[in-house]
Amino acid sequence: MTNSTQLTEGLMMLHTTRDVHSAEINDVPAIIERLEADGVVLVPGYLDAEAVAQATSECRELFERTPSWAHHEDYSVGQSVRMERSDVDPAEFPVVSSAFARPELESVVDAFFGEGHIFSRTIYAILDIVGSTTHVQQLHYDKMRHLKSFVYLTDVGPENGPFHCLPGSHRVAREQQRENRERRIVPTDEDVRQLPKGMAGRGIPVLGEAGTLILFDSDILHHAGIVTEGERLAIRSLSFGSYRSETWYRKDGSVEVAP
C-alpha cells in the first residue's frame, strides 16, 4: 500500500463532526500540539470588544479610502484590501497594525516555524456579504505553506459564511507537495484542488464570536463559507518559515513573488 493510499484511507476515518479545539493565546505548547495534530486551533477572545469595534472602524476606512500603501483587490461584491504589516500606519490604524504584532502571537509562530520565521508579513481585511463569490469557496489547501491568523470581527454563525476546514487533513498537502517543496516549486491553483476522493463536503464550519482568532496551518483542507444572511468581516495575517526567504519557482520556470 502506498503512502498516498494510506493517507487517503486514514483521512476518510476522520469524523465530519470532529471539533476544533480551543486554547489560550499564552498557552503556546497547547496551541502547537493542536496545530500539529489537527492543523487548526481556536483562540476565543483574542480581541476584546473595544478592539473589535476599533478594528471594524479601521477596516471600513481601508475599504472606503484605501491608502496608497495598500492594495484594494477585485473581490466579487465584497471587499478585500491587502497590505504589508510594515507599511500600516499605526497612528491611523492602531488595531490592524497591532493585532498581528502581539508578542504572544509571535511566540506561537516561532514555536511553529523556528529560527528565521517571517512574522505576520502580509495582512488582509475582508468583507463577505450575501452574493460574494470567490475561488476560495472551493475546498483547497494553499500553494505556499504558512500559518494563517484569522480574526472574526463580526459574530459568525452558520449563515454568515464561516471558515470551513477538515481537521487532520494538513497531511494531504504535506504528502502531495513533498517533492515540489524539496525542489522549491509552487503548485498551481488547479493542483491544490486535486484532492483525494471523498474529501468534498466533509469540512466543518468554524463558528465564533467577534474577536475570535483561528490559527491554522494553510496545508489544511479548507474553504470560505457562503454568506446567506448578514455579513462576515475579518482580518487575517500570514506568517512563514525561513523557507520563504529562498527563491521559489512556478511550474513555468518564472519566480513566484506572492503572497
C-alpha atoms as a PDB file:
ATOM      1  CA  MET A   1       0.000   0.000   0.000  1.00  0.00           C
ATOM      2  CA  THR A   2       1.401   3.402  -0.965  1.00  0.00           C
ATOM      3  CA  ASN A   3       1.807   6.291   1.452  1.00  0.00           C
ATOM      4  CA  SER A   4      -0.790   8.202  -0.569  1.00  0.00           C
ATOM      5  CA  THR A   5      -3.328   5.369  -0.267  1.00  0.00           C
ATOM      6  CA  GLN A   6      -2.684   5.001   3.454  1.00  0.00           C
ATOM      7  CA  LEU A   7      -3.101   8.740   3.884  1.00  0.00           C
ATOM      8  CA  THR A   8      -6.388   8.786   1.999  1.00  0.00           C
ATOM      9  CA  GLU A   9      -7.782   5.879   3.997  1.00  0.00           C
ATOM     10  CA  GLY A  10      -6.686   7.496   7.245  1.00  0.00           C
ATOM     11  CA  LEU A  11      -8.366  10.761   6.360  1.00  0.00           C
ATOM     12  CA  MET A  12     -11.592   9.003   5.455  1.00  0.00           C
ATOM     13  CA  MET A  13     -11.744   7.843   9.085  1.00  0.00           C
ATOM     14  CA  LEU A  14     -11.909  11.443  10.320  1.00  0.00           C
ATOM     15  CA  HIS A  15     -15.316  12.343  11.669  1.00  0.00           C
ATOM     16  CA  THR A  16     -17.044  15.244   9.966  1.00  0.00           C
ATOM     17  CA  THR A  17     -18.305  16.308  13.410  1.00  0.00           C
ATOM     18  CA  ARG A  18     -14.810  16.480  14.874  1.00  0.00           C
ATOM     19  CA  ASP A  19     -14.488  19.615  16.983  1.00  0.00           C
ATOM     20  CA  VAL A  20     -11.937  22.349  16.524  1.00  0.00           C
ATOM     21  CA  HIS A  21     -10.178  22.594  19.873  1.00  0.00           C
ATOM     22  CA  SER A  22      -9.595  25.853  21.738  1.00  0.00           C
ATOM     23  CA  ALA A  23      -6.570  27.189  23.599  1.00  0.00           C
ATOM     24  CA  GLU A  24      -5.439  30.390  25.279  1.00  0.00           C
ATOM     25  CA  ILE A  25      -3.067  32.560  23.258  1.00  0.00           C
ATOM     26  CA  ASN A  26      -0.464  32.392  26.056  1.00  0.00           C
ATOM     27  CA  ASP A  27      -0.528  28.568  26.127  1.00  0.00           C
ATOM     28  CA  VAL A  28       1.965  28.042  23.311  1.00  0.00           C
ATOM     29  CA  PRO A  29       2.519  24.289  23.934  1.00  0.00           C
ATOM     30  CA  ALA A  30      -1.235  23.626  23.742  1.00  0.00           C
ATOM     31  CA  ILE A  31      -1.551  25.632  20.527  1.00  0.00           C
ATOM     32  CA  ILE A  32       1.375  23.834  18.896  1.00  0.00           C
ATOM     33  CA  GLU A  33       0.008  20.460  19.962  1.00  0.00           C
ATOM     34  CA  ARG A  34      -3.307  21.197  18.286  1.00  0.00           C
ATOM     35  CA  LEU A  35      -1.681  22.612  15.144  1.00  0.00           C
ATOM     36  CA  GLU A  36       0.460  19.503  14.795  1.00  0.00           C
ATOM     37  CA  ALA A  37      -2.434  17.101  15.406  1.00  0.00           C
ATOM     38  CA  ASP A  38      -5.327  18.920  13.739  1.00  0.00           C
ATOM     39  CA  GLY A  39      -3.811  21.758  11.703  1.00  0.00           C
ATOM     40  CA  VAL A  40      -6.160  24.259  13.362  1.00  0.00           C
ATOM     41  CA  VAL A  41      -6.897  25.764  16.784  1.00  0.00           C
ATOM     42  CA  LEU A  42      -9.389  28.322  18.063  1.00  0.00           C
ATOM     43  CA  VAL A  43      -8.457  31.208  20.382  1.00  0.00           C
ATOM     44  CA  PRO A  44     -11.684  32.823  21.690  1.00  0.00           C
ATOM     45  CA  GLY A  45     -11.494  36.412  22.896  1.00  0.00           C
ATOM     46  CA  TYR A  46      -8.229  37.244  21.174  1.00  0.00           C
ATOM     47  CA  LEU A  47      -9.559  40.770  20.647  1.00  0.00           C
ATOM     48  CA  ASP A  48     -11.824  42.349  23.260  1.00  0.00           C
ATOM     49  CA  ALA A  49     -14.996  44.259  22.400  1.00  0.00           C
ATOM     50  CA  GLU A  50     -13.251  47.634  22.312  1.00  0.00           C
ATOM     51  CA  ALA A  51     -10.540  46.365  19.975  1.00  0.00           C
ATOM     52  CA  VAL A  52     -13.147  44.706  17.743  1.00  0.00           C
ATOM     53  CA  ALA A  53     -15.081  47.970  17.433  1.00  0.00           C
ATOM     54  CA  GLN A  54     -11.918  49.901  16.600  1.00  0.00           C
ATOM     55  CA  ALA A  55     -10.725  47.284  14.091  1.00  0.00           C
ATOM     56  CA  THR A  56     -14.147  47.335  12.427  1.00  0.00           C
ATOM     57  CA  SER A  57     -13.931  51.107  12.004  1.00  0.00           C
ATOM     58  CA  GLU A  58     -10.400  50.798  10.600  1.00  0.00           C
ATOM     59  CA  CYS A  59     -11.485  48.163   8.080  1.00  0.00           C
ATOM     60  CA  ARG A  60     -14.338  50.353   6.855  1.00  0.00           C
ATOM     61  CA  GLU A  61     -11.823  53.146   6.371  1.00  0.00           C
ATOM     62  CA  LEU A  62      -9.491  50.828   4.450  1.00  0.00           C
ATOM     63  CA  PHE A  63     -12.350  49.791   2.160  1.00  0.00           C
ATOM     64  CA  GLU A  64     -13.666  53.290   1.533  1.00  0.00           C
ATOM     65  CA  ARG A  65     -10.397  55.238   1.343  1.00  0.00           C
ATOM     66  CA  THR A  66      -7.661  52.732   0.620  1.00  0.00           C
ATOM     67  CA  PRO A  67      -4.226  54.274   1.392  1.00  0.00           C
ATOM     68  CA  SER A  68      -1.523  54.308  -1.248  1.00  0.00           C
ATOM     69  CA  TRP A  69       0.464  51.651   0.648  1.00  0.00           C
ATOM     70  CA  ALA A  70      -2.429  49.161   0.488  1.00  0.00           C
ATOM     71  CA  HIS A  71      -3.959  47.315  -2.450  1.00  0.00           C
ATOM     72  CA  HIS A  72      -7.727  47.190  -2.952  1.00  0.00           C
ATOM     73  CA  GLU A  73      -8.310  43.813  -4.572  1.00  0.00           C
ATOM     74  CA  ASP A  74     -11.009  42.779  -7.005  1.00  0.00           C
ATOM     75  CA  TYR A  75     -13.340  40.784  -4.763  1.00  0.00           C
ATOM     76  CA  SER A  76     -16.769  39.998  -6.154  1.00  0.00           C
ATOM     77  CA  VAL A  77     -19.435  42.066  -4.349  1.00  0.00           C
ATOM     78  CA  GLY A  78     -17.474  42.070  -1.089  1.00  0.00           C
ATOM     79  CA  GLN A  79     -14.284  43.886  -0.151  1.00  0.00           C
ATOM     80  CA  SER A  80     -10.657  42.892   0.237  1.00  0.00           C
ATOM     81  CA  VAL A  81      -7.636  45.068   0.982  1.00  0.00           C
ATOM     82  CA  ARG A  82      -4.120  43.635   1.150  1.00  0.00           C
ATOM     83  CA  MET A  83      -1.205  45.357   2.876  1.00  0.00           C
ATOM     84  CA  GLU A  84       2.238  44.644   4.258  1.00  0.00           C
ATOM     85  CA  ARG A  85       2.254  44.966   8.050  1.00  0.00           C
ATOM     86  CA  SER A  86       5.416  47.068   7.940  1.00  0.00           C
ATOM     87  CA  ASP A  87       3.550  49.651   5.808  1.00  0.00           C
ATOM     88  CA  VAL A  88       0.494  50.053   8.038  1.00  0.00           C
ATOM     89  CA  ASP A  89       0.286  53.458   9.746  1.00  0.00           C
ATOM     90  CA  PRO A  90      -0.162  52.659  13.476  1.00  0.00           C
ATOM     91  CA  ALA A  91      -1.476  56.145  14.213  1.00  0.00           C
ATOM     92  CA  GLU A  92      -4.345  55.803  11.738  1.00  0.00           C
ATOM     93  CA  PHE A  93      -4.892  52.032  12.027  1.00  0.00           C
ATOM     94  CA  PRO A  94      -3.770  51.096  15.565  1.00  0.00           C
ATOM     95  CA  VAL A  95      -5.593  47.770  15.917  1.00  0.00           C
ATOM     96  CA  VAL A  96      -4.979  46.480  12.389  1.00  0.00           C
ATOM     97  CA  SER A  97      -1.278  47.210  12.883  1.00  0.00           C
ATOM     98  CA  SER A  98      -1.039  45.759  16.395  1.00  0.00           C
ATOM     99  CA  ALA A  99      -3.406  42.764  16.311  1.00  0.00           C
ATOM    100  CA  PHE A 100      -0.855  40.689  14.436  1.00  0.00           C
ATOM    101  CA  ALA A 101       2.212  42.149  16.150  1.00  0.00           C
ATOM    102  CA  ARG A 102       1.495  40.825  19.630  1.00  0.00           C
ATOM    103  CA  PRO A 103       4.496  39.076  21.226  1.00  0.00           C
ATOM    104  CA  GLU A 104       2.392  36.113  22.341  1.00  0.00           C
ATOM    105  CA  LEU A 105       1.381  35.525  18.723  1.00  0.00           C
ATOM    106  CA  GLU A 106       4.998  35.724  17.594  1.00  0.00           C
ATOM    107  CA  SER A 107       5.854  33.150  20.270  1.00  0.00           C
ATOM    108  CA  VAL A 108       3.422  30.787  18.552  1.00  0.00           C
ATOM    109  CA  VAL A 109       4.933  31.486  15.120  1.00  0.00           C
ATOM    110  CA  ASP A 110       8.450  30.971  16.482  1.00  0.00           C
ATOM    111  CA  ALA A 111       7.483  27.647  18.077  1.00  0.00           C
ATOM    112  CA  PHE A 112       5.748  26.565  14.876  1.00  0.00           C
ATOM    113  CA  PHE A 113       8.406  27.546  12.331  1.00  0.00           C
ATOM    114  CA  GLY A 114      11.563  28.072  14.365  1.00  0.00           C
ATOM    115  CA  GLU A 115      14.529  30.283  13.600  1.00  0.00           C
ATOM    116  CA  GLY A 116      14.275  32.606  10.626  1.00  0.00           C
ATOM    117  CA  HIS A 117      10.472  32.758  10.591  1.00  0.00           C
ATOM    118  CA  ILE A 118       8.705  35.660   8.885  1.00  0.00           C
ATOM    119  CA  PHE A 119       6.128  37.023  11.305  1.00  0.00           C
ATOM    120  CA  SER A 120       2.759  38.389  10.139  1.00  0.00           C
ATOM    121  CA  ARG A 121       4.209  39.794   6.941  1.00  0.00           C
ATOM    122  CA  THR A 122       1.013  40.336   4.978  1.00  0.00           C
ATOM    123  CA  ILE A 123      -2.382  41.462   6.312  1.00  0.00           C
ATOM    124  CA  TYR A 124      -5.793  41.305   4.651  1.00  0.00           C
ATOM    125  CA  ALA A 125      -9.058  42.986   5.605  1.00  0.00           C
ATOM    126  CA  ILE A 126     -12.001  41.092   4.111  1.00  0.00           C
ATOM    127  CA  LEU A 127     -15.738  41.691   3.973  1.00  0.00           C
ATOM    128  CA  ASP A 128     -18.033  38.957   2.684  1.00  0.00           C
ATOM    129  CA  ILE A 129     -21.715  39.688   2.121  1.00  0.00           C
ATOM    130  CA  VAL A 130     -24.678  37.911   0.558  1.00  0.00           C
ATOM    131  CA  GLY A 131     -23.741  37.312  -3.069  1.00  0.00           C
ATOM    132  CA  SER A 132     -19.963  37.230  -2.504  1.00  0.00           C
ATOM    133  CA  THR A 133     -18.303  34.627  -4.701  1.00  0.00           C
ATOM    134  CA  THR A 134     -14.622  33.717  -4.780  1.00  0.00           C
ATOM    135  CA  HIS A 135     -12.456  30.766  -5.776  1.00  0.00           C
ATOM    136  CA  VAL A 136     -11.501  30.218  -2.109  1.00  0.00           C
ATOM    137  CA  GLN A 137     -15.022  28.918  -1.525  1.00  0.00           C
ATOM    138  CA  GLN A 138     -13.759  25.726  -3.175  1.00  0.00           C
ATOM    139  CA  LEU A 139     -12.066  23.120  -0.973  1.00  0.00           C
ATOM    140  CA  HIS A 140      -8.284  23.508  -1.279  1.00  0.00           C
ATOM    141  CA  TYR A 141      -5.005  23.960   0.529  1.00  0.00           C
ATOM    142  CA  ASP A 142      -2.784  26.985  -0.074  1.00  0.00           C
ATOM    143  CA  LYS A 143       0.003  26.926  -2.633  1.00  0.00           C
ATOM    144  CA  MET A 144       2.706  28.220  -0.284  1.00  0.00           C
ATOM    145  CA  ARG A 145       2.539  26.840   3.241  1.00  0.00           C
ATOM    146  CA  HIS A 146       2.116  29.413   6.003  1.00  0.00           C
ATOM    147  CA  LEU A 147       0.492  29.868   9.389  1.00  0.00           C
ATOM    148  CA  LYS A 148      -2.643  31.930   8.997  1.00  0.00           C
ATOM    149  CA  SER A 149      -4.043  34.095  11.795  1.00  0.00           C
ATOM    150  CA  PHE A 150      -7.704  34.788  11.057  1.00  0.00           C
ATOM    151  CA  VAL A 151      -9.787  37.059  13.323  1.00  0.00           C
ATOM    152  CA  TYR A 152     -13.552  37.391  13.105  1.00  0.00           C
ATOM    153  CA  LEU A 153     -14.724  40.981  13.612  1.00  0.00           C
ATOM    154  CA  THR A 154     -18.392  40.009  13.484  1.00  0.00           C
ATOM    155  CA  ASP A 155     -20.206  37.179  15.231  1.00  0.00           C
ATOM    156  CA  VAL A 156     -20.109  34.281  12.779  1.00  0.00           C
ATOM    157  CA  GLY A 157     -22.822  31.662  12.748  1.00  0.00           C
ATOM    158  CA  PRO A 158     -23.714  29.075  10.095  1.00  0.00           C
ATOM    159  CA  GLU A 159     -25.397  31.661   7.863  1.00  0.00           C
ATOM    160  CA  ASN A 160     -22.532  34.196   7.961  1.00  0.00           C
ATOM    161  CA  GLY A 161     -20.051  32.359   5.750  1.00  0.00           C
ATOM    162  CA  PRO A 162     -17.863  30.729   8.420  1.00  0.00           C
ATOM    163  CA  PHE A 163     -14.433  29.351   7.660  1.00  0.00           C
ATOM    164  CA  HIS A 164     -14.629  25.589   6.981  1.00  0.00           C
ATOM    165  CA  CYS A 165     -11.851  23.035   7.412  1.00  0.00           C
ATOM    166  CA  LEU A 166     -11.205  19.336   7.782  1.00  0.00           C
ATOM    167  CA  PRO A 167      -9.087  18.820  10.936  1.00  0.00           C
ATOM    168  CA  GLY A 168      -6.150  16.494  10.397  1.00  0.00           C
ATOM    169  CA  SER A 169      -6.159  16.935   6.626  1.00  0.00           C
ATOM    170  CA  HIS A 170      -2.980  19.053   6.579  1.00  0.00           C
ATOM    171  CA  ARG A 171      -1.161  15.777   5.937  1.00  0.00           C
ATOM    172  CA  VAL A 172      -2.702  15.697   2.429  1.00  0.00           C
ATOM    173  CA  ALA A 173      -0.748  18.712   1.184  1.00  0.00           C
ATOM    174  CA  ARG A 174       2.354  17.614   3.038  1.00  0.00           C
ATOM    175  CA  GLU A 175       2.321  14.340   1.118  1.00  0.00           C
ATOM    176  CA  GLN A 176       1.161  15.697  -2.247  1.00  0.00           C
ATOM    177  CA  GLN A 177       3.668  18.561  -2.277  1.00  0.00           C
ATOM    178  CA  ARG A 178       6.665  16.817  -0.725  1.00  0.00           C
ATOM    179  CA  GLU A 179       8.668  16.612  -3.952  1.00  0.00           C
ATOM    180  CA  ASN A 180       7.688  20.096  -5.148  1.00  0.00           C
ATOM    181  CA  ARG A 181       8.743  21.624  -1.850  1.00  0.00           C
ATOM    182  CA  GLU A 182      12.087  19.905  -1.925  1.00  0.00           C
ATOM    183  CA  ARG A 183      12.626  21.487  -5.364  1.00  0.00           C
ATOM    184  CA  ARG A 184      11.126  24.864  -4.305  1.00  0.00           C
ATOM    185  CA  ILE A 185       8.323  24.644  -6.860  1.00  0.00           C
ATOM    186  CA  VAL A 186       4.924  26.227  -6.185  1.00  0.00           C
ATOM    187  CA  PRO A 187       1.864  24.289  -7.393  1.00  0.00           C
ATOM    188  CA  THR A 188      -0.897  25.840  -9.478  1.00  0.00           C
ATOM    189  CA  ASP A 189      -4.393  26.792  -8.298  1.00  0.00           C
ATOM    190  CA  GLU A 190      -5.641  23.656 -10.039  1.00  0.00           C
ATOM    191  CA  ASP A 191      -3.063  21.435  -8.325  1.00  0.00           C
ATOM    192  CA  VAL A 192      -4.168  22.427  -4.817  1.00  0.00           C
ATOM    193  CA  ARG A 193      -7.746  21.468  -5.653  1.00  0.00           C
ATOM    194  CA  GLN A 194      -6.859  17.970  -6.869  1.00  0.00           C
ATOM    195  CA  LEU A 195      -7.755  16.148  -3.650  1.00  0.00           C
ATOM    196  CA  PRO A 196      -8.359  12.542  -2.580  1.00  0.00           C
ATOM    197  CA  LYS A 197     -11.834  11.271  -3.357  1.00  0.00           C
ATOM    198  CA  GLY A 198     -14.353  11.684  -0.581  1.00  0.00           C
ATOM    199  CA  MET A 199     -12.967  14.925   0.811  1.00  0.00           C
ATOM    200  CA  ALA A 200     -15.548  17.281  -0.704  1.00  0.00           C
ATOM    201  CA  GLY A 201     -18.328  18.302   1.651  1.00  0.00           C
ATOM    202  CA  ARG A 202     -16.620  16.966   4.773  1.00  0.00           C
ATOM    203  CA  GLY A 203     -15.295  20.255   6.148  1.00  0.00           C
ATOM    204  CA  ILE A 204     -16.778  21.561   9.381  1.00  0.00           C
ATOM    205  CA  PRO A 205     -17.815  25.198   9.931  1.00  0.00           C
ATOM    206  CA  VAL A 206     -15.754  27.098  12.494  1.00  0.00           C
ATOM    207  CA  LEU A 207     -18.151  29.396  14.327  1.00  0.00           C
ATOM    208  CA  GLY A 208     -17.173  32.133  16.733  1.00  0.00           C
ATOM    209  CA  GLU A 209     -17.963  35.446  18.320  1.00  0.00           C
ATOM    210  CA  ALA A 210     -16.362  38.678  17.182  1.00  0.00           C
ATOM    211  CA  GLY A 211     -12.782  38.753  18.456  1.00  0.00           C
ATOM    212  CA  THR A 212     -12.189  35.026  17.920  1.00  0.00           C
ATOM    213  CA  LEU A 213      -8.830  34.064  16.422  1.00  0.00           C
ATOM    214  CA  ILE A 214      -8.493  30.991  14.212  1.00  0.00           C
ATOM    215  CA  LEU A 215      -4.913  29.788  13.792  1.00  0.00           C
ATOM    216  CA  PHE A 216      -4.406  27.252  11.048  1.00  0.00           C
ATOM    217  CA  ASP A 217      -1.711  25.576   9.029  1.00  0.00           C
ATOM    218  CA  SER A 218      -2.558  26.552   5.446  1.00  0.00           C
ATOM    219  CA  ASP A 219      -1.878  22.950   4.414  1.00  0.00           C
ATOM    220  CA  ILE A 220      -5.219  22.017   5.977  1.00  0.00           C
ATOM    221  CA  LEU A 221      -8.070  21.412   3.548  1.00  0.00           C
ATOM    222  CA  HIS A 222     -10.278  24.462   3.913  1.00  0.00           C
ATOM    223  CA  HIS A 223     -12.642  26.827   2.172  1.00  0.00           C
ATOM    224  CA  ALA A 224     -14.524  30.041   2.798  1.00  0.00           C
ATOM    225  CA  GLY A 225     -18.199  29.729   3.648  1.00  0.00           C
ATOM    226  CA  ILE A 226     -21.023  31.306   1.665  1.00  0.00           C
ATOM    227  CA  VAL A 227     -22.866  34.164   3.331  1.00  0.00           C
ATOM    228  CA  THR A 228     -26.626  33.643   3.206  1.00  0.00           C
ATOM    229  CA  GLU A 229     -27.508  36.263   5.822  1.00  0.00           C
ATOM    230  CA  GLY A 230     -25.769  39.340   7.217  1.00  0.00           C
ATOM    231  CA  GLU A 231     -22.051  39.673   6.611  1.00  0.00           C
ATOM    232  CA  ARG A 232     -18.656  38.436   7.751  1.00  0.00           C
ATOM    233  CA  LEU A 233     -15.914  40.950   8.452  1.00  0.00           C
ATOM    234  CA  ALA A 234     -12.459  39.620   9.257  1.00  0.00           C
ATOM    235  CA  ILE A 235      -8.761  40.415   9.259  1.00  0.00           C
ATOM    236  CA  ARG A 236      -6.028  37.873   8.704  1.00  0.00           C
ATOM    237  CA  SER A 237      -2.256  37.709   8.544  1.00  0.00           C
ATOM    238  CA  LEU A 238       0.259  35.320   7.008  1.00  0.00           C
ATOM    239  CA  SER A 239       3.433  34.081   8.713  1.00  0.00           C
ATOM    240  CA  PHE A 240       6.079  31.917   7.034  1.00  0.00           C
ATOM    241  CA  GLY A 241       9.035  29.751   7.865  1.00  0.00           C
ATOM    242  CA  SER A 242      12.562  30.627   6.774  1.00  0.00           C
ATOM    243  CA  TYR A 243      11.970  28.749   3.502  1.00  0.00           C
ATOM    244  CA  ARG A 244      10.022  31.773   2.220  1.00  0.00           C
ATOM    245  CA  SER A 245      13.265  33.767   2.105  1.00  0.00           C
ATOM    246  CA  GLU A 246      14.512  31.407  -0.596  1.00  0.00           C
ATOM    247  CA  THR A 247      13.644  31.687  -4.283  1.00  0.00           C
ATOM    248  CA  TRP A 248      10.604  29.647  -5.320  1.00  0.00           C
ATOM    249  CA  TYR A 249       9.502  28.942  -8.867  1.00  0.00           C
ATOM    250  CA  ARG A 250       6.237  28.375 -10.661  1.00  0.00           C
ATOM    251  CA  LYS A 251       5.896  25.362 -12.917  1.00  0.00           C
ATOM    252  CA  ASP A 252       6.615  27.523 -15.970  1.00  0.00           C
ATOM    253  CA  GLY A 253      10.014  28.431 -14.512  1.00  0.00           C
ATOM    254  CA  SER A 254       9.131  32.000 -13.517  1.00  0.00           C
ATOM    255  CA  VAL A 255       9.850  33.232  -9.994  1.00  0.00           C
ATOM    256  CA  GLU A 256       6.974  33.127  -7.501  1.00  0.00           C
ATOM    257  CA  VAL A 257       6.515  36.558  -5.915  1.00  0.00           C
ATOM    258  CA  ALA A 258       3.238  36.256  -3.983  1.00  0.00           C
ATOM    259  CA  PRO A 259       1.989  36.329  -1.350  1.00  0.00           C
END
